[in-house]
Amino acid sequence: MSQLGKHLKKLRGEASLYEVHKATGISKGLIASYEQGEHIPNEDNLIKLAEFYEVPYEELAVILYNEKYTDPVKQVGLIKWVETLLPDQEQKLLQAFRALPDTQKQALLESLEE
């Protein structure tokens, strides 16, 4: 079973596959196959499941993409994608931090720990 499948099954809790199906329009068989790790939800179904389980879409997407992109090169793409989900102000802060020399980064991090 995949990490996403385990998480989806945990989120479903006591709800039946039928209840999830009625609320999302996703077939019971497909929901079960997601939970068993046999299929990967497309973006539309991932959004529907996130809405039904009342969790952020990003929570499910990150689990899915971590499973799909175990290669470090692909993980860099994932990190960049996740960063696009940050508010503009936080993206600018991250970009400014990355532009600092290492000594200034370290000093800033130490000041935040105090």
PDB file of N, CA and C in Angstrom:
ATOM      1  N   MET A   1       0.853  -1.186   0.000  1.00  0.00           N
ATOM      2  CA  MET A   1       0.000   0.000   0.000  1.00  0.00           C
ATOM      3  C   MET A   1       0.894   1.244   0.000  1.00  0.00           C
ATOM      4  N   SER A   2       0.531   2.223  -0.777  1.00  0.00           N
ATOM      5  CA  SER A   2       1.300   3.463  -0.865  1.00  0.00           C
ATOM      6  C   SER A   2       1.040   4.351   0.354  1.00  0.00           C
ATOM      7  N   GLN A   3       1.918   5.327   0.542  1.00  0.00           N
ATOM      8  CA  GLN A   3       1.720   6.282   1.643  1.00  0.00           C
ATOM      9  C   GLN A   3       0.428   7.072   1.435  1.00  0.00           C
ATOM     10  N   LEU A   4       0.173   7.457   0.183  1.00  0.00           N
ATOM     11  CA  LEU A   4      -1.069   8.182  -0.081  1.00  0.00           C
ATOM     12  C   LEU A   4      -2.269   7.290   0.207  1.00  0.00           C
ATOM     13  N   GLY A   5      -2.202   6.031  -0.214  1.00  0.00           N
ATOM     14  CA  GLY A   5      -3.293   5.100   0.035  1.00  0.00           C
ATOM     15  C   GLY A   5      -3.571   4.936   1.518  1.00  0.00           C
ATOM     16  N   LYS A   6      -2.505   4.778   2.303  1.00  0.00           N
ATOM     17  CA  LYS A   6      -2.662   4.655   3.756  1.00  0.00           C
ATOM     18  C   LYS A   6      -3.305   5.911   4.335  1.00  0.00           C
ATOM     19  N   HIS A   7      -2.861   7.061   3.837  1.00  0.00           N
ATOM     20  CA  HIS A   7      -3.382   8.329   4.359  1.00  0.00           C
ATOM     21  C   HIS A   7      -4.860   8.489   3.999  1.00  0.00           C
ATOM     22  N   LEU A   8      -5.211   8.150   2.758  1.00  0.00           N
ATOM     23  CA  LEU A   8      -6.612   8.255   2.346  1.00  0.00           C
ATOM     24  C   LEU A   8      -7.500   7.327   3.174  1.00  0.00           C
ATOM     25  N   LYS A   9      -7.011   6.127   3.413  1.00  0.00           N
ATOM     26  CA  LYS A   9      -7.800   5.172   4.217  1.00  0.00           C
ATOM     27  C   LYS A   9      -7.969   5.694   5.646  1.00  0.00           C
ATOM     28  N   LYS A  10      -6.904   6.271   6.182  1.00  0.00           N
ATOM     29  CA  LYS A  10      -6.978   6.846   7.534  1.00  0.00           C
ATOM     30  C   LYS A  10      -7.973   8.008   7.568  1.00  0.00           C
ATOM     31  N   LEU A  11      -7.921   8.871   6.558  1.00  0.00           N
ATOM     32  CA  LEU A  11      -8.843  10.008   6.506  1.00  0.00           C
ATOM     33  C   LEU A  11     -10.288   9.550   6.394  1.00  0.00           C
ATOM     34  N   ARG A  12     -10.506   8.462   5.659  1.00  0.00           N
ATOM     35  CA  ARG A  12     -11.879   7.970   5.481  1.00  0.00           C
ATOM     36  C   ARG A  12     -12.461   7.498   6.804  1.00  0.00           C
ATOM     37  N   GLY A  13     -11.624   6.950   7.662  1.00  0.00           N
ATOM     38  CA  GLY A  13     -12.086   6.534   8.982  1.00  0.00           C
ATOM     39  C   GLY A  13     -13.272   5.598   8.919  1.00  0.00           C
ATOM     40  N   GLU A  14     -14.372   5.990   9.534  1.00  0.00           N
ATOM     41  CA  GLU A  14     -15.573   5.163   9.610  1.00  0.00           C
ATOM     42  C   GLU A  14     -16.505   5.357   8.413  1.00  0.00           C
ATOM     43  N   ALA A  15     -16.199   6.336   7.571  1.00  0.00           N
ATOM     44  CA  ALA A  15     -17.059   6.574   6.409  1.00  0.00           C
ATOM     45  C   ALA A  15     -16.961   5.388   5.444  1.00  0.00           C
ATOM     46  N   SER A  16     -18.053   5.078   4.789  1.00  0.00           N
ATOM     47  CA  SER A  16     -18.043   3.974   3.823  1.00  0.00           C
ATOM     48  C   SER A  16     -17.559   4.480   2.472  1.00  0.00           C
ATOM     49  N   LEU A  17     -17.135   3.550   1.633  1.00  0.00           N
ATOM     50  CA  LEU A  17     -16.752   3.917   0.264  1.00  0.00           C
ATOM     51  C   LEU A  17     -17.940   4.563  -0.444  1.00  0.00           C
ATOM     52  N   TYR A  18     -19.140   4.089  -0.135  1.00  0.00           N
ATOM     53  CA  TYR A  18     -20.344   4.633  -0.743  1.00  0.00           C
ATOM     54  C   TYR A  18     -20.518   6.113  -0.385  1.00  0.00           C
ATOM     55  N   GLU A  19     -20.268   6.457   0.877  1.00  0.00           N
ATOM     56  CA  GLU A  19     -20.398   7.858   1.307  1.00  0.00           C
ATOM     57  C   GLU A  19     -19.411   8.757   0.552  1.00  0.00           C
ATOM     58  N   VAL A  20     -18.194   8.268   0.412  1.00  0.00           N
ATOM     59  CA  VAL A  20     -17.179   9.049  -0.316  1.00  0.00           C
ATOM     60  C   VAL A  20     -17.601   9.179  -1.777  1.00  0.00           C
ATOM     61  N   HIS A  21     -18.068   8.074  -2.350  1.00  0.00           N
ATOM     62  CA  HIS A  21     -18.523   8.076  -3.740  1.00  0.00           C
ATOM     63  C   HIS A  21     -19.651   9.086  -3.957  1.00  0.00           C
ATOM     64  N   LYS A  22     -20.663   9.062  -3.075  1.00  0.00           N
ATOM     65  CA  LYS A  22     -21.810   9.966  -3.222  1.00  0.00           C
ATOM     66  C   LYS A  22     -21.394  11.430  -3.152  1.00  0.00           C
ATOM     67  N   ALA A  23     -20.437  11.726  -2.279  1.00  0.00           N
ATOM     68  CA  ALA A  23     -20.017  13.118  -2.091  1.00  0.00           C
ATOM     69  C   ALA A  23     -19.064  13.602  -3.182  1.00  0.00           C
ATOM     70  N   THR A  24     -18.281  12.681  -3.736  1.00  0.00           N
ATOM     71  CA  THR A  24     -17.238  13.103  -4.680  1.00  0.00           C
ATOM     72  C   THR A  24     -17.525  12.750  -6.129  1.00  0.00           C
ATOM     73  N   GLY A  25     -18.377  11.752  -6.339  1.00  0.00           N
ATOM     74  CA  GLY A  25     -18.641  11.279  -7.697  1.00  0.00           C
ATOM     75  C   GLY A  25     -17.588  10.304  -8.204  1.00  0.00           C
ATOM     76  N   ILE A  26     -16.630   9.961  -7.362  1.00  0.00           N
ATOM     77  CA  ILE A  26     -15.588   8.994  -7.728  1.00  0.00           C
ATOM     78  C   ILE A  26     -16.121   7.602  -7.422  1.00  0.00           C
ATOM     79  N   SER A  27     -15.941   6.670  -8.333  1.00  0.00           N
ATOM     80  CA  SER A  27     -16.482   5.324  -8.119  1.00  0.00           C
ATOM     81  C   SER A  27     -15.867   4.675  -6.881  1.00  0.00           C
ATOM     82  N   LYS A  28     -16.660   3.811  -6.242  1.00  0.00           N
ATOM     83  CA  LYS A  28     -16.179   3.112  -5.047  1.00  0.00           C
ATOM     84  C   LYS A  28     -14.946   2.278  -5.374  1.00  0.00           C
ATOM     85  N   GLY A  29     -14.950   1.627  -6.529  1.00  0.00           N
ATOM     86  CA  GLY A  29     -13.815   0.805  -6.934  1.00  0.00           C
ATOM     87  C   GLY A  29     -12.540   1.618  -7.103  1.00  0.00           C
ATOM     88  N   LEU A  30     -12.689   2.806  -7.673  1.00  0.00           N
ATOM     89  CA  LEU A  30     -11.522   3.661  -7.864  1.00  0.00           C
ATOM     90  C   LEU A  30     -11.002   4.183  -6.528  1.00  0.00           C
ATOM     91  N   ILE A  31     -11.900   4.553  -5.641  1.00  0.00           N
ATOM     92  CA  ILE A  31     -11.486   5.009  -4.299  1.00  0.00           C
ATOM     93  C   ILE A  31     -10.717   3.892  -3.601  1.00  0.00           C
ATOM     94  N   ALA A  32     -11.252   2.673  -3.668  1.00  0.00           N
ATOM     95  CA  ALA A  32     -10.583   1.521  -3.044  1.00  0.00           C
ATOM     96  C   ALA A  32      -9.213   1.297  -3.672  1.00  0.00           C
ATOM     97  N   SER A  33      -9.120   1.464  -4.991  1.00  0.00           N
ATOM     98  CA  SER A  33      -7.828   1.245  -5.654  1.00  0.00           C
ATOM     99  C   SER A  33      -6.815   2.329  -5.271  1.00  0.00           C
ATOM    100  N   TYR A  34      -7.300   3.548  -4.994  1.00  0.00           N
ATOM    101  CA  TYR A  34      -6.400   4.597  -4.492  1.00  0.00           C
ATOM    102  C   TYR A  34      -5.866   4.190  -3.114  1.00  0.00           C
ATOM    103  N   GLU A  35      -6.770   3.720  -2.271  1.00  0.00           N
ATOM    104  CA  GLU A  35      -6.389   3.355  -0.905  1.00  0.00           C
ATOM    105  C   GLU A  35      -5.429   2.161  -0.891  1.00  0.00           C
ATOM    106  N   GLN A  36      -5.565   1.273  -1.857  1.00  0.00           N
ATOM    107  CA  GLN A  36      -4.700   0.092  -1.922  1.00  0.00           C
ATOM    108  C   GLN A  36      -3.409   0.366  -2.694  1.00  0.00           C
ATOM    109  N   GLY A  37      -3.287   1.563  -3.248  1.00  0.00           N
ATOM    110  CA  GLY A  37      -2.084   1.923  -3.986  1.00  0.00           C
ATOM    111  C   GLY A  37      -2.018   1.355  -5.388  1.00  0.00           C
ATOM    112  N   GLU A  38      -3.150   0.887  -5.899  1.00  0.00           N
ATOM    113  CA  GLU A  38      -3.180   0.308  -7.239  1.00  0.00           C
ATOM    114  C   GLU A  38      -3.278   1.375  -8.325  1.00  0.00           C
ATOM    115  N   HIS A  39      -3.883   2.493  -8.003  1.00  0.00           N
ATOM    116  CA  HIS A  39      -4.024   3.615  -8.931  1.00  0.00           C
ATOM    117  C   HIS A  39      -3.652   4.905  -8.214  1.00  0.00           C
ATOM    118  N   ILE A  40      -3.299   5.898  -9.009  1.00  0.00           N
ATOM    119  CA  ILE A  40      -2.954   7.214  -8.477  1.00  0.00           C
ATOM    120  C   ILE A  40      -4.049   8.190  -8.897  1.00  0.00           C
ATOM    121  N   PRO A  41      -4.605   8.934  -7.956  1.00  0.00           N
ATOM    122  CA  PRO A  41      -5.673   9.875  -8.336  1.00  0.00           C
ATOM    123  C   PRO A  41      -5.142  10.983  -9.248  1.00  0.00           C
ATOM    124  N   ASN A  42      -5.984  11.360 -10.209  1.00  0.00           N
ATOM    125  CA  ASN A  42      -5.625  12.535 -11.009  1.00  0.00           C
ATOM    126  C   ASN A  42      -5.887  13.784 -10.171  1.00  0.00           C
ATOM    127  N   GLU A  43      -5.494  14.930 -10.685  1.00  0.00           N
ATOM    128  CA  GLU A  43      -5.600  16.164  -9.908  1.00  0.00           C
ATOM    129  C   GLU A  43      -7.036  16.480  -9.511  1.00  0.00           C
ATOM    130  N   ASP A  44      -7.974  16.293 -10.443  1.00  0.00           N
ATOM    131  CA  ASP A  44      -9.378  16.585 -10.133  1.00  0.00           C
ATOM    132  C   ASP A  44      -9.886  15.718  -8.982  1.00  0.00           C
ATOM    133  N   ASN A  45      -9.572  14.431  -9.023  1.00  0.00           N
ATOM    134  CA  ASN A  45     -10.031  13.538  -7.955  1.00  0.00           C
ATOM    135  C   ASN A  45      -9.315  13.816  -6.644  1.00  0.00           C
ATOM    136  N   LEU A  46      -8.050  14.216  -6.734  1.00  0.00           N
ATOM    137  CA  LEU A  46      -7.318  14.561  -5.513  1.00  0.00           C
ATOM    138  C   LEU A  46      -7.960  15.778  -4.837  1.00  0.00           C
ATOM    139  N   ILE A  47      -8.378  16.727  -5.642  1.00  0.00           N
ATOM    140  CA  ILE A  47      -9.057  17.919  -5.112  1.00  0.00           C
ATOM    141  C   ILE A  47     -10.392  17.523  -4.469  1.00  0.00           C
ATOM    142  N   LYS A  48     -11.155  16.669  -5.143  1.00  0.00           N
ATOM    143  CA  LYS A  48     -12.446  16.223  -4.600  1.00  0.00           C
ATOM    144  C   LYS A  48     -12.254  15.498  -3.264  1.00  0.00           C
ATOM    145  N   LEU A  49     -11.234  14.643  -3.207  1.00  0.00           N
ATOM    146  CA  LEU A  49     -10.978  13.912  -1.962  1.00  0.00           C
ATOM    147  C   LEU A  49     -10.550  14.862  -0.844  1.00  0.00           C
ATOM    148  N   ALA A  50      -9.697  15.815  -1.180  1.00  0.00           N
ATOM    149  CA  ALA A  50      -9.259  16.791  -0.176  1.00  0.00           C
ATOM    150  C   ALA A  50     -10.449  17.566   0.365  1.00  0.00           C
ATOM    151  N   GLU A  51     -11.343  17.983  -0.520  1.00  0.00           N
ATOM    152  CA  GLU A  51     -12.531  18.715  -0.080  1.00  0.00           C
ATOM    153  C   GLU A  51     -13.423  17.841   0.796  1.00  0.00           C
ATOM    154  N   PHE A  52     -13.623  16.592   0.398  1.00  0.00           N
ATOM    155  CA  PHE A  52     -14.470  15.696   1.187  1.00  0.00           C
ATOM    156  C   PHE A  52     -13.874  15.462   2.579  1.00  0.00           C
ATOM    157  N   TYR A  53     -12.563  15.218   2.629  1.00  0.00           N
ATOM    158  CA  TYR A  53     -11.910  14.928   3.911  1.00  0.00           C
ATOM    159  C   TYR A  53     -11.549  16.196   4.686  1.00  0.00           C
ATOM    160  N   GLU A  54     -11.839  17.349   4.081  1.00  0.00           N
ATOM    161  CA  GLU A  54     -11.583  18.647   4.711  1.00  0.00           C
ATOM    162  C   GLU A  54     -10.121  18.803   5.120  1.00  0.00           C
ATOM    163  N   VAL A  55      -9.244  18.478   4.163  1.00  0.00           N
ATOM    164  CA  VAL A  55      -7.805  18.696   4.340  1.00  0.00           C
ATOM    165  C   VAL A  55      -7.323  19.527   3.162  1.00  0.00           C
ATOM    166  N   PRO A  56      -6.227  20.258   3.335  1.00  0.00           N
ATOM    167  CA  PRO A  56      -5.713  21.021   2.203  1.00  0.00           C
ATOM    168  C   PRO A  56      -5.292  20.090   1.062  1.00  0.00           C
ATOM    169  N   TYR A  57      -5.586  20.493  -0.146  1.00  0.00           N
ATOM    170  CA  TYR A  57      -5.172  19.734  -1.329  1.00  0.00           C
ATOM    171  C   TYR A  57      -3.670  19.461  -1.275  1.00  0.00           C
ATOM    172  N   GLU A  58      -2.905  20.466  -0.838  1.00  0.00           N
ATOM    173  CA  GLU A  58      -1.447  20.345  -0.806  1.00  0.00           C
ATOM    174  C   GLU A  58      -0.987  19.190   0.076  1.00  0.00           C
ATOM    175  N   GLU A  59      -1.746  18.915   1.133  1.00  0.00           N
ATOM    176  CA  GLU A  59      -1.398  17.807   2.031  1.00  0.00           C
ATOM    177  C   GLU A  59      -1.347  16.488   1.259  1.00  0.00           C
ATOM    178  N   LEU A  60      -2.363  16.264   0.431  1.00  0.00           N
ATOM    179  CA  LEU A  60      -2.407  15.035  -0.355  1.00  0.00           C
ATOM    180  C   LEU A  60      -1.410  15.083  -1.514  1.00  0.00           C
ATOM    181  N   ALA A  61      -1.301  16.243  -2.136  1.00  0.00           N
ATOM    182  CA  ALA A  61      -0.405  16.376  -3.287  1.00  0.00           C
ATOM    183  C   ALA A  61       1.049  16.131  -2.897  1.00  0.00           C
ATOM    184  N   VAL A  62       1.460  16.640  -1.755  1.00  0.00           N
ATOM    185  CA  VAL A  62       2.851  16.459  -1.329  1.00  0.00           C
ATOM    186  C   VAL A  62       3.139  14.983  -1.081  1.00  0.00           C
ATOM    187  N   ILE A  63       2.206  14.272  -0.455  1.00  0.00           N
ATOM    188  CA  ILE A  63       2.404  12.834  -0.239  1.00  0.00           C
ATOM    189  C   ILE A  63       2.531  12.125  -1.583  1.00  0.00           C
ATOM    190  N   LEU A  64       1.647  12.455  -2.501  1.00  0.00           N
ATOM    191  CA  LEU A  64       1.666  11.828  -3.822  1.00  0.00           C
ATOM    192  C   LEU A  64       2.972  12.120  -4.545  1.00  0.00           C
ATOM    193  N   TYR A  65       3.366  13.383  -4.578  1.00  0.00           N
ATOM    194  CA  TYR A  65       4.573  13.743  -5.319  1.00  0.00           C
ATOM    195  C   TYR A  65       5.830  13.217  -4.647  1.00  0.00           C
ATOM    196  N   ASN A  66       5.831  13.088  -3.332  1.00  0.00           N
ATOM    197  CA  ASN A  66       6.987  12.483  -2.657  1.00  0.00           C
ATOM    198  C   ASN A  66       7.134  11.031  -3.061  1.00  0.00           C
ATOM    199  N   GLU A  67       6.019  10.345  -3.281  1.00  0.00           N
ATOM    200  CA  GLU A  67       6.070   8.953  -3.717  1.00  0.00           C
ATOM    201  C   GLU A  67       6.540   8.853  -5.161  1.00  0.00           C
ATOM    202  N   LYS A  68       6.051   9.751  -5.992  1.00  0.00           N
ATOM    203  CA  LYS A  68       6.384   9.688  -7.415  1.00  0.00           C
ATOM    204  C   LYS A  68       7.800  10.153  -7.695  1.00  0.00           C
ATOM    205  N   TYR A  69       8.303  11.063  -6.876  1.00  0.00           N
ATOM    206  CA  TYR A  69       9.586  11.694  -7.176  1.00  0.00           C
ATOM    207  C   TYR A  69      10.599  11.421  -6.077  1.00  0.00           C
ATOM    208  N   THR A  70      11.050  10.178  -6.001  1.00  0.00           N
ATOM    209  CA  THR A  70      12.059   9.828  -5.008  1.00  0.00           C
ATOM    210  C   THR A  70      13.456  10.179  -5.490  1.00  0.00           C
ATOM    211  N   ASP A  71      13.618  10.402  -6.773  1.00  0.00           N
ATOM    212  CA  ASP A  71      14.897  10.813  -7.349  1.00  0.00           C
ATOM    213  C   ASP A  71      15.192  12.241  -6.890  1.00  0.00           C
ATOM    214  N   PRO A  72      16.404  12.514  -6.355  1.00  0.00           N
ATOM    215  CA  PRO A  72      16.727  13.864  -5.861  1.00  0.00           C
ATOM    216  C   PRO A  72      16.518  14.963  -6.894  1.00  0.00           C
ATOM    217  N   VAL A  73      16.794  14.675  -8.157  1.00  0.00           N
ATOM    218  CA  VAL A  73      16.598  15.689  -9.199  1.00  0.00           C
ATOM    219  C   VAL A  73      15.119  16.021  -9.323  1.00  0.00           C
ATOM    220  N   LYS A  74      14.271  15.011  -9.254  1.00  0.00           N
ATOM    221  CA  LYS A  74      12.828  15.247  -9.331  1.00  0.00           C
ATOM    222  C   LYS A  74      12.325  15.931  -8.068  1.00  0.00           C
ATOM    223  N   GLN A  75      12.962  15.670  -6.931  1.00  0.00           N
ATOM    224  CA  GLN A  75      12.547  16.313  -5.686  1.00  0.00           C
ATOM    225  C   GLN A  75      12.778  17.823  -5.750  1.00  0.00           C
ATOM    226  N   VAL A  76      13.815  18.246  -6.450  1.00  0.00           N
ATOM    227  CA  VAL A  76      14.044  19.683  -6.611  1.00  0.00           C
ATOM    228  C   VAL A  76      12.854  20.311  -7.318  1.00  0.00           C
ATOM    229  N   GLY A  77      12.342  19.629  -8.325  1.00  0.00           N
ATOM    230  CA  GLY A  77      11.142  20.119  -9.015  1.00  0.00           C
ATOM    231  C   GLY A  77       9.952  20.176  -8.090  1.00  0.00           C
ATOM    232  N   LEU A  78       9.823  19.191  -7.220  1.00  0.00           N
ATOM    233  CA  LEU A  78       8.741  19.181  -6.245  1.00  0.00           C
ATOM    234  C   LEU A  78       8.858  20.359  -5.292  1.00  0.00           C
ATOM    235  N   ILE A  79      10.055  20.599  -4.810  1.00  0.00           N
ATOM    236  CA  ILE A  79      10.276  21.714  -3.880  1.00  0.00           C
ATOM    237  C   ILE A  79       9.895  23.025  -4.543  1.00  0.00           C
ATOM    238  N   LYS A  80      10.317  23.205  -5.788  1.00  0.00           N
ATOM    239  CA  LYS A  80       9.971  24.437  -6.509  1.00  0.00           C
ATOM    240  C   LYS A  80       8.464  24.550  -6.688  1.00  0.00           C
ATOM    241  N   TRP A  81       7.800  23.429  -6.961  1.00  0.00           N
ATOM    242  CA  TRP A  81       6.347  23.454  -7.121  1.00  0.00           C
ATOM    243  C   TRP A  81       5.673  23.827  -5.810  1.00  0.00           C
ATOM    244  N   VAL A  82       6.120  23.226  -4.705  1.00  0.00           N
ATOM    245  CA  VAL A  82       5.533  23.525  -3.399  1.00  0.00           C
ATOM    246  C   VAL A  82       5.731  25.001  -3.061  1.00  0.00           C
ATOM    247  N   GLU A  83       6.895  25.521  -3.407  1.00  0.00           N
ATOM    248  CA  GLU A  83       7.157  26.934  -3.129  1.00  0.00           C
ATOM    249  C   GLU A  83       6.185  27.848  -3.857  1.00  0.00           C
ATOM    250  N   THR A  84       5.682  27.430  -5.010  1.00  0.00           N
ATOM    251  CA  THR A  84       4.712  28.269  -5.729  1.00  0.00           C
ATOM    252  C   THR A  84       3.396  28.366  -4.968  1.00  0.00           C
ATOM    253  N   LEU A  85       3.191  27.474  -4.015  1.00  0.00           N
ATOM    254  CA  LEU A  85       1.965  27.499  -3.216  1.00  0.00           C
ATOM    255  C   LEU A  85       2.046  28.520  -2.079  1.00  0.00           C
ATOM    256  N   LEU A  86       3.261  28.993  -1.796  1.00  0.00           N
ATOM    257  CA  LEU A  86       3.444  29.973  -0.723  1.00  0.00           C
ATOM    258  C   LEU A  86       2.869  31.323  -1.139  1.00  0.00           C
ATOM    259  N   PRO A  87       2.400  32.112  -0.184  1.00  0.00           N
ATOM    260  CA  PRO A  87       1.976  33.475  -0.507  1.00  0.00           C
ATOM    261  C   PRO A  87       3.159  34.270  -1.081  1.00  0.00           C
ATOM    262  N   ASP A  88       2.867  35.284  -1.883  1.00  0.00           N
ATOM    263  CA  ASP A  88       3.906  36.075  -2.547  1.00  0.00           C
ATOM    264  C   ASP A  88       4.954  36.607  -1.578  1.00  0.00           C
ATOM    265  N   GLN A  89       4.518  37.115  -0.451  1.00  0.00           N
ATOM    266  CA  GLN A  89       5.446  37.692   0.518  1.00  0.00           C
ATOM    267  C   GLN A  89       6.437  36.641   1.025  1.00  0.00           C
ATOM    268  N   GLU A  90       5.965  35.428   1.268  1.00  0.00           N
ATOM    269  CA  GLU A  90       6.847  34.360   1.734  1.00  0.00           C
ATOM    270  C   GLU A  90       7.795  33.904   0.625  1.00  0.00           C
ATOM    271  N   GLN A  91       7.323  33.906  -0.612  1.00  0.00           N
ATOM    272  CA  GLN A  91       8.200  33.564  -1.736  1.00  0.00           C
ATOM    273  C   GLN A  91       9.340  34.575  -1.844  1.00  0.00           C
ATOM    274  N   LYS A  92       9.012  35.866  -1.696  1.00  0.00           N
ATOM    275  CA  LYS A  92      10.039  36.909  -1.764  1.00  0.00           C
ATOM    276  C   LYS A  92      11.041  36.763  -0.628  1.00  0.00           C
ATOM    277  N   LEU A  93      10.552  36.442   0.553  1.00  0.00           N
ATOM    278  CA  LEU A  93      11.424  36.243   1.705  1.00  0.00           C
ATOM    279  C   LEU A  93      12.389  35.082   1.463  1.00  0.00           C
ATOM    280  N   LEU A  94      11.867  34.003   0.934  1.00  0.00           N
ATOM    281  CA  LEU A  94      12.694  32.833   0.631  1.00  0.00           C
ATOM    282  C   LEU A  94      13.748  33.167  -0.430  1.00  0.00           C
ATOM    283  N   GLN A  95      13.361  33.892  -1.450  1.00  0.00           N
ATOM    284  CA  GLN A  95      14.305  34.287  -2.503  1.00  0.00           C
ATOM    285  C   GLN A  95      15.400  35.190  -1.931  1.00  0.00           C
ATOM    286  N   ALA A  96      15.015  36.127  -1.060  1.00  0.00           N
ATOM    287  CA  ALA A  96      15.996  37.034  -0.453  1.00  0.00           C
ATOM    288  C   ALA A  96      16.965  36.256   0.433  1.00  0.00           C
ATOM    289  N   PHE A  97      16.443  35.300   1.191  1.00  0.00           N
ATOM    290  CA  PHE A  97      17.288  34.489   2.060  1.00  0.00           C
ATOM    291  C   PHE A  97      18.294  33.691   1.237  1.00  0.00           C
ATOM    292  N   ARG A  98      17.836  33.103   0.158  1.00  0.00           N
ATOM    293  CA  ARG A  98      18.724  32.310  -0.697  1.00  0.00           C
ATOM    294  C   ARG A  98      19.818  33.152  -1.336  1.00  0.00           C
ATOM    295  N   ALA A  99      19.557  34.421  -1.533  1.00  0.00           N
ATOM    296  CA  ALA A  99      20.547  35.306  -2.159  1.00  0.00           C
ATOM    297  C   ALA A  99      21.637  35.757  -1.183  1.00  0.00           C
ATOM    298  N   LEU A 100      21.413  35.574   0.101  1.00  0.00           N
ATOM    299  CA  LEU A 100      22.395  35.993   1.105  1.00  0.00           C
ATOM    300  C   LEU A 100      23.635  35.101   1.069  1.00  0.00           C
ATOM    301  N   PRO A 101      24.801  35.667   1.426  1.00  0.00           N
ATOM    302  CA  PRO A 101      25.984  34.826   1.603  1.00  0.00           C
ATOM    303  C   PRO A 101      25.758  33.875   2.780  1.00  0.00           C
ATOM    304  N   ASP A 102      26.452  32.760   2.780  1.00  0.00           N
ATOM    305  CA  ASP A 102      26.249  31.738   3.817  1.00  0.00           C
ATOM    306  C   ASP A 102      26.428  32.287   5.228  1.00  0.00           C
ATOM    307  N   THR A 103      27.395  33.177   5.411  1.00  0.00           N
ATOM    308  CA  THR A 103      27.623  33.710   6.762  1.00  0.00           C
ATOM    309  C   THR A 103      26.419  34.515   7.245  1.00  0.00           C
ATOM    310  N   GLN A 104      25.804  35.270   6.347  1.00  0.00           N
ATOM    311  CA  GLN A 104      24.619  36.043   6.722  1.00  0.00           C
ATOM    312  C   GLN A 104      23.407  35.139   6.959  1.00  0.00           C
ATOM    313  N   LYS A 105      23.310  34.075   6.160  1.00  0.00           N
ATOM    314  CA  LYS A 105      22.223  33.106   6.382  1.00  0.00           C
ATOM    315  C   LYS A 105      22.349  32.519   7.784  1.00  0.00           C
ATOM    316  N   GLN A 106      23.567  32.104   8.133  1.00  0.00           N
ATOM    317  CA  GLN A 106      23.800  31.496   9.437  1.00  0.00           C
ATOM    318  C   GLN A 106      23.482  32.472  10.566  1.00  0.00           C
ATOM    319  N   ALA A 107      23.932  33.725  10.416  1.00  0.00           N
ATOM    320  CA  ALA A 107      23.673  34.738  11.444  1.00  0.00           C
ATOM    321  C   ALA A 107      22.168  34.976  11.602  1.00  0.00           C
ATOM    322  N   LEU A 108      21.457  35.036  10.494  1.00  0.00           N
ATOM    323  CA  LEU A 108      20.018  35.240  10.532  1.00  0.00           C
ATOM    324  C   LEU A 108      19.320  34.069  11.235  1.00  0.00           C
ATOM    325  N   LEU A 109      19.703  32.865  10.884  1.00  0.00           N
ATOM    326  CA  LEU A 109      19.108  31.684  11.514  1.00  0.00           C
ATOM    327  C   LEU A 109      19.386  31.652  13.023  1.00  0.00           C
ATOM    328  N   GLU A 110      20.595  32.001  13.393  1.00  0.00           N
ATOM    329  CA  GLU A 110      20.926  32.037  14.809  1.00  0.00           C
ATOM    330  C   GLU A 110      20.113  33.091  15.547  1.00  0.00           C
ATOM    331  N   SER A 111      19.904  34.242  14.917  1.00  0.00           N
ATOM    332  CA  SER A 111      19.114  35.296  15.570  1.00  0.00           C
ATOM    333  C   SER A 111      17.658  34.869  15.744  1.00  0.00           C
ATOM    334  N   LEU A 112      17.164  34.048  14.823  1.00  0.00           N
ATOM    335  CA  LEU A 112      15.785  33.569  14.932  1.00  0.00           C
ATOM    336  C   LEU A 112      15.634  32.540  16.053  1.00  0.00           C
ATOM    337  N   GLU A 113      16.703  31.822  16.357  1.00  0.00           N
ATOM    338  CA  GLU A 113      16.657  30.803  17.407  1.00  0.00           C
ATOM    339  C   GLU A 113      16.709  31.405  18.811  1.00  0.00           C
ATOM    340  N   GLU A 114      17.141  32.649  18.908  1.00  0.00           N
ATOM    341  CA  GLU A 114      17.279  33.288  20.237  1.00  0.00           C
ATOM    342  C   GLU A 114      15.958  33.682  20.804  1.00  0.00           C
TER     343      GLU A 114
END
